[in-house]
Protein backbone atom coordinates (compact mmCIF):
# COMPACT_ATOMS: atom_id res chain seq x y z
CA MET A 1 -3.38 -30.03 -4.07
CA ILE A 2 -5.39 -31.15 -7.08
CA SER A 3 -5.73 -29.03 -10.29
CA SER A 4 -9.45 -29.57 -11.04
CA LEU A 5 -12.77 -28.43 -9.54
CA LEU A 6 -16.34 -29.25 -10.24
CA GLY A 7 -18.69 -26.29 -10.53
CA LYS A 8 -21.56 -24.69 -12.66
CA LYS A 9 -21.77 -21.71 -15.03
CA ILE A 10 -23.49 -18.83 -13.45
CA GLY A 11 -23.45 -16.30 -16.35
CA MET A 12 -21.35 -13.56 -18.06
CA THR A 13 -20.63 -10.14 -16.90
CA GLN A 14 -17.66 -7.63 -17.16
CA VAL A 15 -15.11 -6.31 -14.70
CA TYR A 16 -12.23 -3.85 -14.83
CA ASP A 17 -8.84 -5.17 -14.39
CA ALA A 18 -5.75 -3.69 -12.74
CA GLN A 19 -5.08 -1.52 -15.83
CA ASN A 20 -8.75 -0.24 -15.79
CA VAL A 21 -9.53 -2.23 -18.96
CA LEU A 22 -13.09 -3.63 -19.14
CA VAL A 23 -12.81 -7.46 -19.43
CA PRO A 24 -15.73 -9.80 -20.39
CA VAL A 25 -15.76 -12.72 -17.89
CA THR A 26 -17.81 -15.85 -17.15
CA VAL A 27 -18.68 -16.36 -13.51
CA VAL A 28 -18.29 -20.08 -12.40
CA GLU A 29 -19.25 -21.38 -9.03
CA ALA A 30 -16.43 -23.76 -8.35
CA GLY A 31 -16.70 -26.10 -5.33
CA PRO A 32 -16.44 -26.66 -2.56
CA CYS A 33 -15.78 -30.26 -3.60
CA ALA A 34 -15.44 -33.00 -1.05
CA VAL A 35 -12.87 -35.84 -1.53
CA VAL A 36 -15.07 -38.96 -1.78
CA GLN A 37 -12.45 -41.58 -2.69
CA VAL A 38 -8.72 -41.77 -2.96
CA LYS A 39 -6.98 -44.07 -5.40
CA THR A 40 -3.40 -45.12 -5.45
CA THR A 41 -1.04 -47.23 -7.56
CA GLU A 42 -0.90 -49.88 -4.77
CA THR A 43 -4.62 -50.38 -4.58
CA ASP A 44 -6.07 -49.39 -7.94
CA GLY A 45 -3.04 -49.22 -10.28
CA TYR A 46 -3.01 -45.28 -10.70
CA ASN A 47 -3.10 -42.24 -8.54
CA ALA A 48 -6.42 -40.19 -8.53
CA VAL A 49 -8.97 -38.67 -6.33
CA GLN A 50 -12.80 -38.73 -6.76
CA ILE A 51 -14.42 -35.42 -5.86
CA GLY A 52 -18.11 -34.51 -5.41
CA PHE A 53 -20.05 -31.31 -6.01
CA GLU A 54 -23.36 -30.29 -4.29
CA GLN A 55 -25.78 -32.86 -2.72
CA LYS A 56 -28.64 -34.88 -4.05
CA LYS A 57 -31.84 -35.04 -2.15
CA ALA A 58 -32.03 -38.25 -0.09
CA LYS A 59 -34.98 -39.41 -2.01
CA ASN A 60 -33.13 -39.20 -5.29
CA ALA A 61 -29.98 -41.07 -4.15
CA SER A 62 -29.66 -44.92 -4.65
CA LEU A 63 -28.52 -46.99 -1.74
CA ALA A 64 -25.10 -47.52 -3.41
CA GLU A 65 -24.66 -43.61 -3.67
CA LYS A 66 -25.70 -43.24 -0.01
CA ASN A 67 -23.20 -45.82 1.18
CA HIS A 68 -20.45 -44.46 -0.98
CA ALA A 69 -21.02 -41.04 0.50
CA ALA A 70 -21.16 -42.52 4.00
CA LYS A 71 -17.61 -43.83 3.65
CA ALA A 72 -16.51 -40.21 3.17
CA SER A 73 -18.58 -39.19 6.31
CA LEU A 74 -20.83 -37.12 3.82
CA ALA A 75 -24.43 -36.59 5.05
CA ASP A 76 -25.83 -36.68 1.51
CA ALA A 77 -24.66 -38.25 -1.75
CA PRO A 78 -22.91 -35.76 -4.14
CA ARG A 79 -24.97 -34.65 -7.11
CA VAL A 80 -21.99 -34.74 -9.40
CA LEU A 81 -18.93 -37.03 -9.20
CA SER A 82 -15.63 -36.82 -11.09
CA GLU A 83 -12.29 -38.47 -10.92
CA VAL A 84 -9.03 -36.36 -11.23
CA ARG A 85 -5.95 -38.21 -12.27
CA LEU A 86 -2.64 -37.35 -10.51
CA GLU A 87 0.95 -37.96 -11.40
CA ALA A 88 2.12 -38.55 -7.87
CA ALA A 89 0.48 -40.17 -4.85
CA PRO A 90 -2.32 -38.02 -3.42
CA THR A 91 -1.79 -36.06 -0.26
CA LEU A 92 -5.55 -35.53 0.22
CA LYS A 93 -7.57 -37.84 2.44
CA VAL A 94 -11.16 -38.90 2.16
CA GLY A 95 -13.36 -36.25 3.63
CA ASP A 96 -11.13 -33.34 2.81
CA VAL A 97 -12.63 -30.33 0.97
CA VAL A 98 -11.16 -28.54 -1.95
CA ASN A 99 -12.27 -25.06 -2.96
CA VAL A 100 -11.32 -22.17 -5.28
CA THR A 101 -8.12 -21.41 -3.38
CA ALA A 102 -6.66 -24.21 -5.40
CA PHE A 103 -6.40 -21.70 -8.25
CA ALA A 104 -4.73 -18.30 -8.40
CA GLU A 105 -5.59 -14.99 -10.15
CA GLY A 106 -3.70 -14.75 -13.42
CA GLN A 107 -3.55 -18.53 -13.90
CA LEU A 108 -4.57 -20.25 -17.07
CA VAL A 109 -7.38 -22.76 -16.86
CA ASP A 110 -9.30 -25.14 -19.15
CA VAL A 111 -12.99 -25.28 -18.76
CA ILE A 112 -14.89 -28.49 -19.91
CA GLY A 113 -18.74 -28.34 -20.44
CA VAL A 114 -21.58 -29.46 -22.72
CA THR A 115 -22.62 -27.01 -25.38
CA LYS A 116 -26.23 -25.92 -25.69
CA GLY A 117 -28.50 -28.29 -27.57
CA LYS A 118 -30.17 -26.96 -30.70
CA GLY A 119 -32.40 -29.89 -31.42
CA PHE A 120 -32.82 -31.38 -35.04
CA GLN A 121 -31.40 -28.97 -37.63
CA GLY A 122 -30.77 -28.90 -41.32
CA VAL A 123 -27.43 -28.72 -43.07
CA VAL A 124 -27.66 -24.84 -43.57
CA LYS A 125 -27.59 -24.07 -39.85
CA ARG A 126 -25.68 -27.26 -38.72
CA PHE A 127 -22.86 -27.17 -41.20
CA ARG A 128 -23.34 -23.78 -42.85
CA VAL A 129 -24.05 -25.34 -46.28
CA ALA A 130 -24.70 -22.62 -48.91
CA GLY A 131 -28.06 -24.05 -50.18
CA GLY A 132 -29.35 -23.64 -53.53
CA PRO A 133 -31.06 -20.75 -55.57
CA ALA A 134 -33.63 -18.70 -53.74
CA SER A 135 -35.51 -17.73 -56.83
CA HIS A 136 -37.35 -18.79 -60.00
CA GLY A 137 -39.15 -21.50 -58.08
CA SER A 138 -36.20 -23.76 -57.67
CA MET A 139 -37.59 -25.38 -54.56
CA PHE A 140 -34.06 -26.05 -53.61
CA HIS A 141 -33.39 -23.16 -51.04
CA ARG A 142 -31.96 -25.03 -48.02
CA ARG A 143 -31.38 -28.56 -49.13
CA ILE A 144 -28.23 -30.58 -49.17
CA GLY A 145 -27.90 -31.34 -52.81
CA SER A 146 -26.63 -34.52 -54.39
CA ILE A 147 -24.96 -36.83 -51.88
CA GLY A 148 -24.44 -40.03 -53.99
CA MET A 149 -24.28 -41.34 -57.57
CA ARG A 150 -25.50 -44.33 -59.50
CA GLN A 151 -22.00 -45.40 -60.72
CA THR A 152 -18.77 -45.67 -58.79
CA PRO A 153 -18.55 -45.43 -55.83
CA GLY A 154 -22.32 -45.62 -55.77
CA ARG A 155 -22.71 -44.81 -52.14
CA THR A 156 -22.83 -41.81 -49.76
CA TRP A 157 -19.37 -40.71 -48.61
CA LYS A 158 -18.44 -41.05 -44.95
CA ASN A 159 -18.72 -37.75 -42.95
CA GLN A 160 -21.12 -36.31 -45.39
CA ALA A 161 -22.98 -33.38 -44.00
CA MET A 162 -26.51 -34.43 -43.20
CA PRO A 163 -29.44 -32.94 -41.15
CA GLY A 164 -29.48 -34.13 -37.57
CA HIS A 165 -29.14 -33.35 -33.90
CA MET A 166 -27.08 -30.25 -33.39
CA GLY A 167 -25.23 -29.18 -30.19
CA GLN A 168 -25.14 -30.85 -26.78
CA LEU A 169 -21.50 -32.06 -27.28
CA LYS A 170 -18.64 -32.12 -24.68
CA ARG A 171 -16.25 -29.30 -25.49
CA THR A 172 -13.09 -27.83 -23.71
CA VAL A 173 -12.14 -24.24 -24.01
CA GLN A 174 -8.46 -23.97 -23.32
CA ASN A 175 -6.20 -21.34 -21.81
CA LEU A 176 -8.76 -19.05 -20.18
CA ARG A 177 -7.31 -16.38 -17.82
CA VAL A 178 -8.48 -16.25 -14.22
CA VAL A 179 -9.31 -12.65 -13.76
CA LYS A 180 -10.62 -12.72 -10.20
CA ILE A 181 -11.33 -15.31 -7.35
CA ILE A 182 -13.98 -14.68 -4.68
CA PRO A 183 -13.27 -17.31 -2.09
CA GLU A 184 -16.10 -16.43 0.25
CA LYS A 185 -18.72 -17.05 -2.57
CA ASN A 186 -16.76 -19.91 -4.19
CA LEU A 187 -16.53 -17.99 -7.41
CA ILE A 188 -14.07 -17.86 -10.18
CA LEU A 189 -14.14 -15.25 -12.94
CA VAL A 190 -12.54 -16.41 -16.18
CA LYS A 191 -11.87 -14.22 -19.25
CA GLY A 192 -14.13 -15.05 -22.19
CA ALA A 193 -16.98 -17.54 -22.75
CA ILE A 194 -17.35 -21.18 -21.77
CA PRO A 195 -19.64 -23.97 -23.15
CA GLY A 196 -23.18 -24.61 -21.87
CA ALA A 197 -26.13 -22.60 -20.65
CA ASN A 198 -26.42 -20.76 -17.27
CA GLY A 199 -26.60 -23.35 -14.44
CA ASP A 200 -24.87 -26.19 -16.51
CA ASP A 201 -22.19 -28.30 -14.85
CA VAL A 202 -18.56 -27.64 -15.80
CA ILE A 203 -15.04 -28.70 -14.87
CA VAL A 204 -12.42 -26.14 -14.22
CA ARG A 205 -8.76 -27.52 -14.45
CA SER A 206 -5.30 -26.05 -14.59
CA ALA A 207 -4.48 -25.44 -18.27
CA ILE A 208 -2.47 -28.29 -19.79
CA LYS A 209 -0.93 -26.59 -22.72
CA GLY A 210 -0.49 -22.81 -21.94
CA GLN A 211 1.02 -22.68 -18.53
CA LYS A 212 4.31 -20.54 -18.19
CA PRO A 213 6.95 -21.18 -15.67
CA ALA A 214 6.88 -18.83 -12.63
CA GLN A 215 9.30 -15.92 -12.78
CA ALA A 216 12.37 -16.43 -10.61
């Protein structure tokens, strides 16, 4: 069984756990994901499976996408495709479907998504720069300040905080606890917040760093 699923963020809510403690959770619709392609060390040099999530409208899919989906006996091309690397040869076959039962309640997962875009922002909001005096007509309230000099080195330093596009970056939140799984609705409830707005695509994978061995 693979350790990753494609899905989308539904929103946040709160639930009570077994100890009757109120827990903030994010609801993720994960899968079902169809296996579109299987790669092995013999054919491709590494082990992996390519999975797809949801379907595109036929008019929006290219001929290559349609043919690629047809090889997996899918009626429509997947809207999202992602490749999951595996250490051993995959046991899944093309056309198999993976769902939320790949995870278990109490398990730790990593969630990968794209943060909300904030547009073009100044340094005060983008990098929390202090700014200048706000009185006596300084006209220097939210500016960046001196960024260079006429003598050595006579240039702007690399990684200098500047105004620019803020947000819309790929980020991974690690070691989130799976609070509840609802298989009939393909939902996973994870403790805490994840990147992106409601409806954004995410990847849920088994945590790489925080897993603890099962108790004997």
